[in-house]
Protein backbone atom coordinates (compact mmCIF):
# COMPACT_ATOMS: atom_id res chain seq x y z
CA VAL A 1 67.38 95.76 136.73
CA ASP A 2 71.10 96.33 137.36
CA LEU A 3 71.95 92.92 135.93
CA VAL A 4 69.92 93.61 132.79
CA GLU A 5 71.61 97.00 132.33
CA LYS A 6 75.03 95.41 132.81
CA ALA A 7 74.19 92.66 130.29
CA LEU A 8 73.01 95.26 127.77
CA ALA A 9 76.19 97.30 128.26
CA THR A 10 78.32 94.19 127.79
CA ASP A 11 76.44 93.30 124.63
CA ASP A 12 76.83 96.84 123.28
CA GLU A 13 80.59 96.65 123.88
CA ARG A 14 80.78 93.27 122.14
CA LEU A 15 78.90 94.66 119.13
CA ARG A 16 81.16 97.73 119.03
CA VAL A 17 84.29 95.55 119.03
CA ALA A 18 82.84 93.30 116.32
CA ALA A 19 81.99 96.32 114.14
CA SER A 20 85.48 97.72 114.70
CA ARG A 21 87.06 94.43 113.64
CA GLU A 22 84.90 94.30 110.52
CA THR A 23 85.97 97.84 109.63
CA ILE A 24 89.64 97.00 110.06
CA GLU A 25 89.27 93.79 108.05
CA ALA A 26 87.52 95.74 105.27
CA ARG A 27 90.41 98.21 105.19
CA LEU A 28 92.93 95.35 105.05
CA ALA A 29 91.01 93.84 102.14
CA THR A 30 91.69 96.98 100.08
CA LEU A 31 95.47 96.46 100.26
CA THR A 32 97.27 94.86 97.35
CA GLN A 33 99.56 91.90 97.92
CA ARG A 34 102.64 94.14 97.60
CA GLU A 35 101.17 96.67 100.03
CA ARG A 36 100.63 93.84 102.52
CA GLU A 37 104.26 92.77 102.10
CA VAL A 38 105.46 96.33 102.68
CA MET A 39 103.09 96.70 105.65
CA GLU A 40 104.50 93.59 107.33
CA LEU A 41 108.04 94.93 106.95
CA ILE A 42 106.96 98.32 108.28
CA LEU A 43 105.45 96.58 111.30
CA GLU A 44 108.77 94.80 111.84
CA GLY A 45 110.29 98.27 112.20
CA LYS A 46 112.37 98.15 109.05
CA TYR A 47 113.50 101.32 107.31
CA ASN A 48 112.33 102.16 103.79
CA LYS A 49 115.80 101.43 102.37
CA VAL A 50 115.88 97.98 103.97
CA ILE A 51 112.35 97.25 102.70
CA ALA A 52 113.37 98.37 99.21
CA ASP A 53 116.42 96.10 99.27
CA GLU A 54 114.49 93.09 100.58
CA LEU A 55 111.73 93.47 97.98
CA SER A 56 114.07 94.54 95.15
CA ILE A 57 112.16 97.76 94.54
CA SER A 58 113.15 101.43 94.72
CA MET A 59 112.88 103.48 97.90
CA ARG A 60 110.47 105.79 96.08
CA THR A 61 108.19 102.82 95.40
CA VAL A 62 108.32 101.84 99.08
CA GLU A 63 107.40 105.42 100.01
CA ALA A 64 104.45 105.31 97.61
CA HIS A 65 103.25 101.97 99.02
CA ARG A 66 103.69 103.26 102.58
CA SER A 67 101.63 106.34 101.77
CA ARG A 68 98.82 104.28 100.21
CA ILE A 69 98.86 101.83 103.14
CA PHE A 70 98.47 104.66 105.66
CA GLU A 71 95.73 106.22 103.54
CA LYS A 72 93.78 102.98 103.10
CA MET A 73 94.17 102.00 106.75
CA GLU A 74 93.30 105.56 107.84
CA VAL A 75 96.37 106.01 110.05
CA ARG A 76 99.13 108.61 110.13
CA SER A 77 102.06 106.57 111.40
CA ALA A 78 103.48 103.08 111.75
CA VAL A 79 102.69 103.24 115.46
CA GLU A 80 99.01 103.91 114.76
CA LEU A 81 99.01 101.08 112.23
CA ALA A 82 100.47 98.68 114.79
CA GLN A 83 97.91 99.76 117.39
CA LEU A 84 95.08 99.31 114.90
CA LEU A 85 96.18 95.79 114.00
CA THR A 86 96.70 94.92 117.67
CA THR A 87 93.03 95.76 118.17
CA LEU A 88 92.17 93.30 115.43
CA ARG A 89 94.31 90.50 116.88
CA SER A 90 93.02 90.82 120.44
């Protein structure tokens, strides 16, 4: 009985992780190409001004993209975003 309960618990955890990954992937799918570019630079730890210079866009545009990325990914900071994507990659 203990082995069956352990197997069921393991399977539940596997299903939870799979559902979490699908949710994260669905959120990523809502990002535009430019938002993905900005997100990658955010994850590299670059400042908005540096991102703006690298992508030849204004800082205000970077701020707008950053805001939409956080909204779509349902996070409040770059740290949360990095943690969320680490979950996906593990």
